Amino acid sequence: MSLDALFDAARARLRTLPREALGELVQPRRVLGMPRAPRIVSRGDAWHLGVLLVTEDAVLATGDIVRARTEARRGYAAESQRRRAELAAAARRGGFAEGQTVHIGWSVVDLGAVAAGAASGPLSLVDGVPSVRWSSSGGWMPLSAYLDERIALLEQPPLGAT
């Protein structure tokens, strides 16, 4: 089965399932020379299938995931915690609802390149079979099985996952 056919079939199964927001971090222009706080603006939505985000017309590799929340002053033990809190506040400033999941830093997967034998994002042809690498140190898994598994998890999340 071709890549396009695999994703068309996946989209048909996903139609009634919830999507998550896609966002992009933007630095607004200065006003009267004063910098304004960055914000994350909406760039659509997608079904989240592990390392892939599937939109109506594209496939994306996931990046970072944040939950929008109101900015609050806190002490942080790590700089990474501070950065995540800044991103969560930027999502809230960008108009996302409190607690809403937002995907940022995603990249477009070139399905044409994958079909021609090159890798793009987590996708590649392995012995002629469209495959996905679900982690940087993980092995390759046939894409059709991966999509089936991830869609099944969206249809029936494990107890306590929601």
N, C-alpha and C. Protein backbone atom coordinates (compact mmCIF):
# COMPACT_ATOMS: atom_id res chain seq x y z
N MET A 1 0.85 -1.18 0.00
CA MET A 1 0.00 0.00 0.00
C MET A 1 0.89 1.24 0.00
N SER A 2 0.53 2.23 -0.79
CA SER A 2 1.33 3.46 -0.89
C SER A 2 1.17 4.31 0.38
N LEU A 3 2.11 5.23 0.56
CA LEU A 3 2.04 6.14 1.71
C LEU A 3 0.76 6.96 1.69
N ASP A 4 0.42 7.50 0.53
CA ASP A 4 -0.81 8.30 0.44
C ASP A 4 -2.03 7.47 0.81
N ALA A 5 -2.09 6.23 0.34
CA ALA A 5 -3.22 5.36 0.65
C ALA A 5 -3.26 5.02 2.14
N LEU A 6 -2.10 4.79 2.75
CA LEU A 6 -2.06 4.51 4.19
C LEU A 6 -2.62 5.68 4.98
N PHE A 7 -2.20 6.90 4.63
CA PHE A 7 -2.66 8.06 5.38
C PHE A 7 -4.11 8.43 5.05
N ASP A 8 -4.55 8.19 3.83
CA ASP A 8 -5.97 8.41 3.50
C ASP A 8 -6.85 7.47 4.32
N ALA A 9 -6.45 6.21 4.44
CA ALA A 9 -7.21 5.25 5.24
C ALA A 9 -7.19 5.64 6.71
N ALA A 10 -6.05 6.12 7.19
CA ALA A 10 -5.95 6.57 8.58
C ALA A 10 -6.87 7.76 8.82
N ARG A 11 -6.88 8.72 7.92
CA ARG A 11 -7.75 9.89 8.07
C ARG A 11 -9.22 9.48 8.12
N ALA A 12 -9.60 8.50 7.30
CA ALA A 12 -11.00 8.03 7.31
C ALA A 12 -11.36 7.45 8.67
N ARG A 13 -10.45 6.73 9.29
CA ARG A 13 -10.70 6.17 10.62
C ARG A 13 -10.68 7.24 11.71
N LEU A 14 -9.93 8.29 11.50
CA LEU A 14 -9.76 9.33 12.50
C LEU A 14 -10.85 10.40 12.49
N ARG A 15 -11.65 10.46 11.46
CA ARG A 15 -12.62 11.56 11.25
C ARG A 15 -13.37 11.98 12.51
N THR A 16 -13.84 11.03 13.30
CA THR A 16 -14.68 11.37 14.46
C THR A 16 -13.89 11.52 15.75
N LEU A 17 -12.58 11.34 15.69
CA LEU A 17 -11.76 11.40 16.90
C LEU A 17 -11.23 12.81 17.13
N PRO A 18 -10.95 13.15 18.39
CA PRO A 18 -10.50 14.52 18.70
C PRO A 18 -9.13 14.84 18.13
N ARG A 19 -8.96 16.11 17.82
CA ARG A 19 -7.69 16.63 17.31
C ARG A 19 -7.04 17.51 18.37
N GLU A 20 -5.78 17.78 18.17
CA GLU A 20 -5.04 18.67 19.06
C GLU A 20 -4.53 19.86 18.25
N ALA A 21 -4.30 20.96 18.93
CA ALA A 21 -3.91 22.21 18.28
C ALA A 21 -2.45 22.19 17.83
N LEU A 22 -2.22 22.83 16.69
CA LEU A 22 -0.87 23.10 16.20
C LEU A 22 -0.60 24.58 16.42
N GLY A 23 0.60 24.90 16.85
CA GLY A 23 0.94 26.30 17.08
C GLY A 23 2.33 26.62 16.58
N GLU A 24 2.60 27.90 16.49
CA GLU A 24 3.92 28.38 16.09
C GLU A 24 4.31 29.53 17.01
N LEU A 25 5.50 29.45 17.55
CA LEU A 25 6.02 30.50 18.42
C LEU A 25 6.43 31.70 17.58
N VAL A 26 5.86 32.86 17.89
CA VAL A 26 6.21 34.09 17.16
C VAL A 26 6.64 35.17 18.15
N GLN A 27 7.58 35.98 17.69
CA GLN A 27 8.04 37.12 18.48
C GLN A 27 7.40 38.36 17.87
N PRO A 28 6.43 38.97 18.56
CA PRO A 28 5.77 40.16 18.00
C PRO A 28 6.75 41.31 17.80
N ARG A 29 6.37 42.20 16.88
CA ARG A 29 7.18 43.40 16.64
C ARG A 29 7.18 44.28 17.88
N ARG A 30 8.22 45.04 17.99
CA ARG A 30 8.32 46.00 19.10
C ARG A 30 7.30 47.12 18.91
N VAL A 31 6.81 47.64 20.00
CA VAL A 31 5.90 48.78 19.97
C VAL A 31 6.60 49.92 20.70
N LEU A 32 6.84 51.00 19.97
CA LEU A 32 7.56 52.16 20.50
C LEU A 32 8.90 51.75 21.09
N GLY A 33 9.55 50.78 20.42
CA GLY A 33 10.86 50.32 20.85
C GLY A 33 10.85 49.32 21.99
N MET A 34 9.67 49.04 22.52
CA MET A 34 9.57 48.11 23.66
C MET A 34 9.25 46.70 23.14
N PRO A 35 9.99 45.71 23.61
CA PRO A 35 9.71 44.33 23.18
C PRO A 35 8.40 43.83 23.80
N ARG A 36 7.71 43.00 23.05
CA ARG A 36 6.49 42.36 23.58
C ARG A 36 6.77 40.89 23.80
N ALA A 37 6.04 40.31 24.69
CA ALA A 37 6.26 38.90 25.03
C ALA A 37 5.91 38.00 23.85
N PRO A 38 6.69 36.95 23.63
CA PRO A 38 6.37 36.02 22.54
C PRO A 38 5.05 35.32 22.82
N ARG A 39 4.44 34.83 21.75
CA ARG A 39 3.20 34.09 21.91
C ARG A 39 3.18 32.95 20.90
N ILE A 40 2.37 31.98 21.17
CA ILE A 40 2.19 30.86 20.25
C ILE A 40 0.85 31.07 19.57
N VAL A 41 0.89 31.14 18.24
CA VAL A 41 -0.33 31.37 17.47
C VAL A 41 -0.79 30.08 16.81
N SER A 42 -2.07 29.97 16.59
CA SER A 42 -2.66 28.77 16.01
C SER A 42 -2.25 28.58 14.56
N ARG A 43 -1.94 27.35 14.22
CA ARG A 43 -1.63 26.96 12.85
C ARG A 43 -2.46 25.76 12.42
N GLY A 44 -3.64 25.60 13.03
CA GLY A 44 -4.53 24.50 12.66
C GLY A 44 -4.60 23.44 13.73
N ASP A 45 -4.98 22.24 13.31
CA ASP A 45 -5.06 21.13 14.24
C ASP A 45 -4.71 19.83 13.54
N ALA A 46 -4.48 18.79 14.34
CA ALA A 46 -4.05 17.51 13.79
C ALA A 46 -4.41 16.40 14.76
N TRP A 47 -4.46 15.20 14.23
CA TRP A 47 -4.58 14.03 15.09
C TRP A 47 -3.17 13.66 15.52
N HIS A 48 -3.00 13.43 16.82
CA HIS A 48 -1.68 13.10 17.37
C HIS A 48 -1.55 11.58 17.43
N LEU A 49 -0.64 11.05 16.62
CA LEU A 49 -0.39 9.62 16.57
C LEU A 49 1.08 9.35 16.92
N GLY A 50 1.41 9.50 18.19
CA GLY A 50 2.78 9.25 18.63
C GLY A 50 3.76 10.25 18.05
N VAL A 51 4.68 9.78 17.20
CA VAL A 51 5.70 10.67 16.62
C VAL A 51 5.18 11.40 15.40
N LEU A 52 3.91 11.16 15.03
CA LEU A 52 3.33 11.79 13.85
C LEU A 52 2.12 12.63 14.22
N LEU A 53 1.94 13.70 13.47
CA LEU A 53 0.74 14.52 13.53
C LEU A 53 0.13 14.46 12.14
N VAL A 54 -1.12 14.05 12.06
CA VAL A 54 -1.77 13.90 10.76
C VAL A 54 -2.84 14.98 10.63
N THR A 55 -2.69 15.82 9.60
CA THR A 55 -3.69 16.85 9.31
C THR A 55 -4.52 16.39 8.13
N GLU A 56 -5.46 17.22 7.71
CA GLU A 56 -6.30 16.88 6.56
C GLU A 56 -5.49 16.69 5.29
N ASP A 57 -4.37 17.39 5.17
CA ASP A 57 -3.62 17.33 3.91
C ASP A 57 -2.11 17.18 4.07
N ALA A 58 -1.64 16.87 5.26
CA ALA A 58 -0.20 16.72 5.47
C ALA A 58 0.09 15.76 6.61
N VAL A 59 1.34 15.37 6.68
CA VAL A 59 1.84 14.57 7.80
C VAL A 59 3.01 15.34 8.38
N LEU A 60 3.03 15.47 9.70
CA LEU A 60 4.06 16.24 10.39
C LEU A 60 4.77 15.36 11.41
N ALA A 61 6.03 15.66 11.65
CA ALA A 61 6.77 15.03 12.75
C ALA A 61 6.55 15.88 13.99
N THR A 62 6.27 15.24 15.11
CA THR A 62 6.01 16.00 16.33
C THR A 62 7.26 16.73 16.79
N GLY A 63 7.02 17.79 17.53
CA GLY A 63 8.10 18.57 18.14
C GLY A 63 7.86 18.57 19.64
N ASP A 64 7.68 19.75 20.21
CA ASP A 64 7.36 19.88 21.63
C ASP A 64 5.86 19.96 21.83
N ILE A 65 5.43 19.54 23.01
CA ILE A 65 4.01 19.59 23.37
C ILE A 65 3.91 20.35 24.68
N VAL A 66 3.05 21.38 24.70
CA VAL A 66 2.84 22.15 25.93
C VAL A 66 1.34 22.26 26.20
N ARG A 67 1.01 22.55 27.43
CA ARG A 67 -0.37 22.85 27.81
C ARG A 67 -0.41 24.34 28.16
N ALA A 68 -1.32 25.04 27.52
CA ALA A 68 -1.44 26.48 27.75
C ALA A 68 -1.81 26.74 29.21
N ARG A 69 -1.15 27.71 29.79
CA ARG A 69 -1.52 28.11 31.15
C ARG A 69 -1.10 29.54 31.40
N THR A 70 -1.83 30.16 32.29
CA THR A 70 -1.58 31.54 32.65
C THR A 70 -0.20 31.67 33.28
N GLU A 71 0.49 32.74 32.90
CA GLU A 71 1.83 32.99 33.44
C GLU A 71 1.75 33.25 34.93
N ALA A 72 2.68 32.66 35.66
CA ALA A 72 2.76 32.88 37.10
C ALA A 72 4.24 32.89 37.49
N ARG A 73 4.58 33.68 38.47
CA ARG A 73 5.96 33.72 38.95
C ARG A 73 6.18 32.48 39.82
N ARG A 74 7.24 31.77 39.48
CA ARG A 74 7.59 30.57 40.25
C ARG A 74 9.11 30.47 40.33
N GLY A 75 9.57 29.72 41.29
CA GLY A 75 10.99 29.39 41.36
C GLY A 75 11.19 28.06 40.65
N TYR A 76 12.25 27.92 39.89
CA TYR A 76 12.49 26.69 39.14
C TYR A 76 13.84 26.11 39.50
N ALA A 77 13.87 24.80 39.64
CA ALA A 77 15.11 24.11 39.94
C ALA A 77 15.96 23.95 38.68
N ALA A 78 15.32 23.99 37.53
CA ALA A 78 16.05 23.78 36.28
C ALA A 78 15.62 24.80 35.23
N GLU A 79 16.57 25.17 34.41
CA GLU A 79 16.29 26.12 33.33
C GLU A 79 15.26 25.55 32.35
N SER A 80 15.26 24.22 32.15
CA SER A 80 14.31 23.60 31.24
C SER A 80 12.88 23.77 31.75
N GLN A 81 12.69 23.74 33.07
CA GLN A 81 11.36 23.98 33.63
C GLN A 81 10.90 25.40 33.35
N ARG A 82 11.81 26.34 33.49
CA ARG A 82 11.49 27.75 33.23
C ARG A 82 11.09 27.92 31.76
N ARG A 83 11.84 27.29 30.85
CA ARG A 83 11.54 27.40 29.42
C ARG A 83 10.17 26.81 29.10
N ARG A 84 9.83 25.67 29.69
CA ARG A 84 8.52 25.05 29.44
C ARG A 84 7.40 25.94 29.98
N ALA A 85 7.61 26.57 31.14
CA ALA A 85 6.61 27.47 31.69
C ALA A 85 6.44 28.69 30.79
N GLU A 86 7.53 29.19 30.22
CA GLU A 86 7.45 30.33 29.29
C GLU A 86 6.66 29.94 28.04
N LEU A 87 6.88 28.74 27.54
CA LEU A 87 6.13 28.28 26.36
C LEU A 87 4.64 28.11 26.68
N ALA A 88 4.34 27.58 27.86
CA ALA A 88 2.93 27.42 28.27
C ALA A 88 2.25 28.77 28.37
N ALA A 89 2.94 29.76 28.91
CA ALA A 89 2.39 31.12 29.01
C ALA A 89 2.24 31.75 27.63
N ALA A 90 3.20 31.48 26.74
CA ALA A 90 3.11 32.01 25.37
C ALA A 90 1.90 31.43 24.64
N ALA A 91 1.59 30.17 24.90
CA ALA A 91 0.41 29.55 24.30
C ALA A 91 -0.87 30.22 24.82
N ARG A 92 -0.91 30.49 26.10
CA ARG A 92 -2.09 31.16 26.68
C ARG A 92 -2.23 32.57 26.11
N ARG A 93 -1.11 33.30 25.99
CA ARG A 93 -1.15 34.64 25.40
C ARG A 93 -1.60 34.59 23.94
N GLY A 94 -1.33 33.50 23.27
CA GLY A 94 -1.71 33.35 21.87
C GLY A 94 -3.17 33.00 21.66
N GLY A 95 -3.91 32.82 22.75
CA GLY A 95 -5.34 32.59 22.62
C GLY A 95 -5.80 31.16 22.87
N PHE A 96 -4.90 30.27 23.25
CA PHE A 96 -5.30 28.91 23.56
C PHE A 96 -5.92 28.86 24.95
N ALA A 97 -6.90 28.00 25.11
CA ALA A 97 -7.61 27.87 26.38
C ALA A 97 -6.70 27.29 27.47
N GLU A 98 -6.97 27.67 28.69
CA GLU A 98 -6.22 27.15 29.83
C GLU A 98 -6.25 25.62 29.79
N GLY A 99 -5.06 25.01 29.83
CA GLY A 99 -4.95 23.55 29.84
C GLY A 99 -4.99 22.89 28.47
N GLN A 100 -5.22 23.66 27.42
CA GLN A 100 -5.29 23.08 26.07
C GLN A 100 -3.91 22.61 25.61
N THR A 101 -3.87 21.44 25.01
CA THR A 101 -2.62 20.88 24.47
C THR A 101 -2.29 21.56 23.14
N VAL A 102 -1.03 21.97 23.00
CA VAL A 102 -0.57 22.66 21.78
C VAL A 102 0.75 22.03 21.34
N HIS A 103 0.83 21.68 20.07
CA HIS A 103 2.06 21.13 19.48
C HIS A 103 2.83 22.26 18.81
N ILE A 104 4.10 22.40 19.16
CA ILE A 104 4.95 23.41 18.54
C ILE A 104 6.25 22.73 18.07
N GLY A 105 6.95 23.38 17.19
CA GLY A 105 8.23 22.84 16.74
C GLY A 105 8.10 21.62 15.84
N TRP A 106 6.92 21.39 15.31
CA TRP A 106 6.70 20.26 14.40
C TRP A 106 7.31 20.59 13.05
N SER A 107 7.52 19.55 12.25
CA SER A 107 8.06 19.76 10.90
C SER A 107 7.29 18.90 9.90
N VAL A 108 7.21 19.37 8.68
CA VAL A 108 6.47 18.66 7.63
C VAL A 108 7.29 17.46 7.16
N VAL A 109 6.62 16.31 7.05
CA VAL A 109 7.25 15.10 6.53
C VAL A 109 7.01 15.08 5.01
N ASP A 110 8.06 14.89 4.25
CA ASP A 110 7.98 14.85 2.79
C ASP A 110 7.67 13.43 2.34
N LEU A 111 6.39 13.14 2.13
CA LEU A 111 5.98 11.79 1.74
C LEU A 111 6.53 11.40 0.37
N GLY A 112 6.69 12.36 -0.52
CA GLY A 112 7.28 12.08 -1.83
C GLY A 112 8.71 11.60 -1.71
N ALA A 113 9.48 12.23 -0.83
CA ALA A 113 10.87 11.82 -0.61
C ALA A 113 10.92 10.42 -0.01
N VAL A 114 10.03 10.14 0.93
CA VAL A 114 9.99 8.81 1.55
C VAL A 114 9.65 7.76 0.50
N ALA A 115 8.66 8.05 -0.34
CA ALA A 115 8.27 7.11 -1.39
C ALA A 115 9.41 6.86 -2.37
N ALA A 116 10.29 7.85 -2.54
CA ALA A 116 11.43 7.71 -3.44
C ALA A 116 12.63 7.04 -2.78
N GLY A 117 12.49 6.71 -1.48
CA GLY A 117 13.56 5.98 -0.80
C GLY A 117 14.36 6.76 0.21
N ALA A 118 14.09 8.06 0.34
CA ALA A 118 14.81 8.87 1.33
C ALA A 118 14.04 8.87 2.65
N ALA A 119 14.71 9.24 3.71
CA ALA A 119 14.04 9.38 5.00
C ALA A 119 13.56 10.82 5.13
N SER A 120 12.44 11.00 5.82
CA SER A 120 11.94 12.34 6.13
C SER A 120 11.28 12.25 7.50
N GLY A 121 11.81 13.00 8.45
CA GLY A 121 11.30 12.91 9.81
C GLY A 121 11.47 11.48 10.30
N PRO A 122 10.45 10.92 10.94
CA PRO A 122 10.58 9.56 11.45
C PRO A 122 10.20 8.48 10.43
N LEU A 123 9.94 8.85 9.19
CA LEU A 123 9.50 7.89 8.17
C LEU A 123 10.62 7.54 7.19
N SER A 124 10.60 6.30 6.73
CA SER A 124 11.54 5.83 5.72
C SER A 124 11.01 4.53 5.12
N LEU A 125 11.58 4.16 3.99
CA LEU A 125 11.30 2.84 3.43
C LEU A 125 12.37 1.88 3.96
N VAL A 126 11.95 0.78 4.54
CA VAL A 126 12.87 -0.23 5.03
C VAL A 126 12.55 -1.51 4.28
N ASP A 127 13.46 -1.93 3.43
CA ASP A 127 13.24 -3.10 2.56
C ASP A 127 11.95 -2.93 1.75
N GLY A 128 11.70 -1.69 1.29
CA GLY A 128 10.54 -1.40 0.46
C GLY A 128 9.24 -1.22 1.20
N VAL A 129 9.27 -1.32 2.54
CA VAL A 129 8.06 -1.19 3.35
C VAL A 129 8.08 0.17 4.06
N PRO A 130 7.02 0.99 3.89
CA PRO A 130 6.96 2.25 4.64
C PRO A 130 7.03 1.96 6.14
N SER A 131 7.98 2.59 6.81
CA SER A 131 8.22 2.30 8.22
C SER A 131 8.41 3.58 9.01
N VAL A 132 8.23 3.46 10.31
CA VAL A 132 8.37 4.60 11.21
C VAL A 132 9.32 4.23 12.33
N ARG A 133 10.13 5.20 12.72
CA ARG A 133 11.01 5.03 13.88
C ARG A 133 10.37 5.83 15.00
N TRP A 134 9.87 5.13 16.00
CA TRP A 134 9.10 5.79 17.05
C TRP A 134 9.96 6.40 18.14
N SER A 135 11.27 6.19 18.11
CA SER A 135 12.18 6.91 18.99
C SER A 135 13.54 6.94 18.32
N SER A 136 14.38 7.87 18.71
CA SER A 136 15.68 8.01 18.06
C SER A 136 16.55 6.78 18.24
N SER A 137 16.36 6.04 19.32
CA SER A 137 17.16 4.83 19.54
C SER A 137 16.37 3.56 19.25
N GLY A 138 15.10 3.72 18.89
CA GLY A 138 14.26 2.55 18.61
C GLY A 138 14.46 2.02 17.21
N GLY A 139 13.93 0.86 16.98
CA GLY A 139 14.01 0.25 15.66
C GLY A 139 12.88 0.72 14.77
N TRP A 140 12.85 0.19 13.58
CA TRP A 140 11.82 0.55 12.61
C TRP A 140 10.62 -0.37 12.76
N MET A 141 9.43 0.20 12.60
CA MET A 141 8.18 -0.55 12.69
C MET A 141 7.40 -0.27 11.41
N PRO A 142 6.76 -1.29 10.83
CA PRO A 142 5.94 -1.02 9.64
C PRO A 142 4.89 0.06 9.94
N LEU A 143 4.79 1.03 9.05
CA LEU A 143 3.89 2.16 9.26
C LEU A 143 2.44 1.73 9.41
N SER A 144 2.00 0.75 8.63
CA SER A 144 0.59 0.32 8.71
C SER A 144 0.27 -0.20 10.11
N ALA A 145 1.15 -1.00 10.71
CA ALA A 145 0.91 -1.52 12.06
C ALA A 145 0.95 -0.39 13.09
N TYR A 146 1.88 0.54 12.90
CA TYR A 146 2.00 1.68 13.81
C TYR A 146 0.73 2.52 13.80
N LEU A 147 0.22 2.82 12.60
CA LEU A 147 -1.01 3.61 12.51
C LEU A 147 -2.18 2.88 13.13
N ASP A 148 -2.30 1.58 12.87
CA ASP A 148 -3.38 0.79 13.47
C ASP A 148 -3.32 0.85 15.00
N GLU A 149 -2.13 0.69 15.55
CA GLU A 149 -1.96 0.70 17.00
C GLU A 149 -2.30 2.07 17.59
N ARG A 150 -1.79 3.12 16.98
CA ARG A 150 -2.03 4.47 17.50
C ARG A 150 -3.49 4.90 17.37
N ILE A 151 -4.13 4.54 16.30
CA ILE A 151 -5.55 4.88 16.13
C ILE A 151 -6.38 4.11 17.14
N ALA A 152 -6.05 2.85 17.37
CA ALA A 152 -6.77 2.06 18.37
C ALA A 152 -6.63 2.69 19.76
N LEU A 153 -5.46 3.23 20.08
CA LEU A 153 -5.27 3.90 21.37
C LEU A 153 -6.11 5.17 21.47
N LEU A 154 -6.28 5.88 20.36
CA LEU A 154 -7.14 7.06 20.38
C LEU A 154 -8.62 6.67 20.52
N GLU A 155 -8.99 5.58 19.87
CA GLU A 155 -10.39 5.12 19.93
C GLU A 155 -10.74 4.62 21.32
N GLN A 156 -9.81 3.90 21.95
CA GLN A 156 -10.05 3.36 23.29
C GLN A 156 -8.81 3.59 24.14
N PRO A 157 -8.70 4.77 24.75
CA PRO A 157 -7.52 5.05 25.58
C PRO A 157 -7.46 4.09 26.77
N PRO A 158 -6.26 3.78 27.24
CA PRO A 158 -6.14 2.93 28.42
C PRO A 158 -6.81 3.58 29.63
N LEU A 159 -7.27 2.77 30.56
CA LEU A 159 -7.91 3.31 31.77
C LEU A 159 -6.97 4.29 32.46
N GLY A 160 -7.51 5.42 32.85
CA GLY A 160 -6.74 6.44 33.54
C GLY A 160 -5.98 7.39 32.63
N ALA A 161 -6.02 7.17 31.31
CA ALA A 161 -5.26 8.01 30.40
C ALA A 161 -5.98 9.31 30.07
N THR A 162 -7.26 9.40 30.32
CA THR A 162 -7.99 10.62 29.98
C THR A 162 -8.35 11.41 31.20
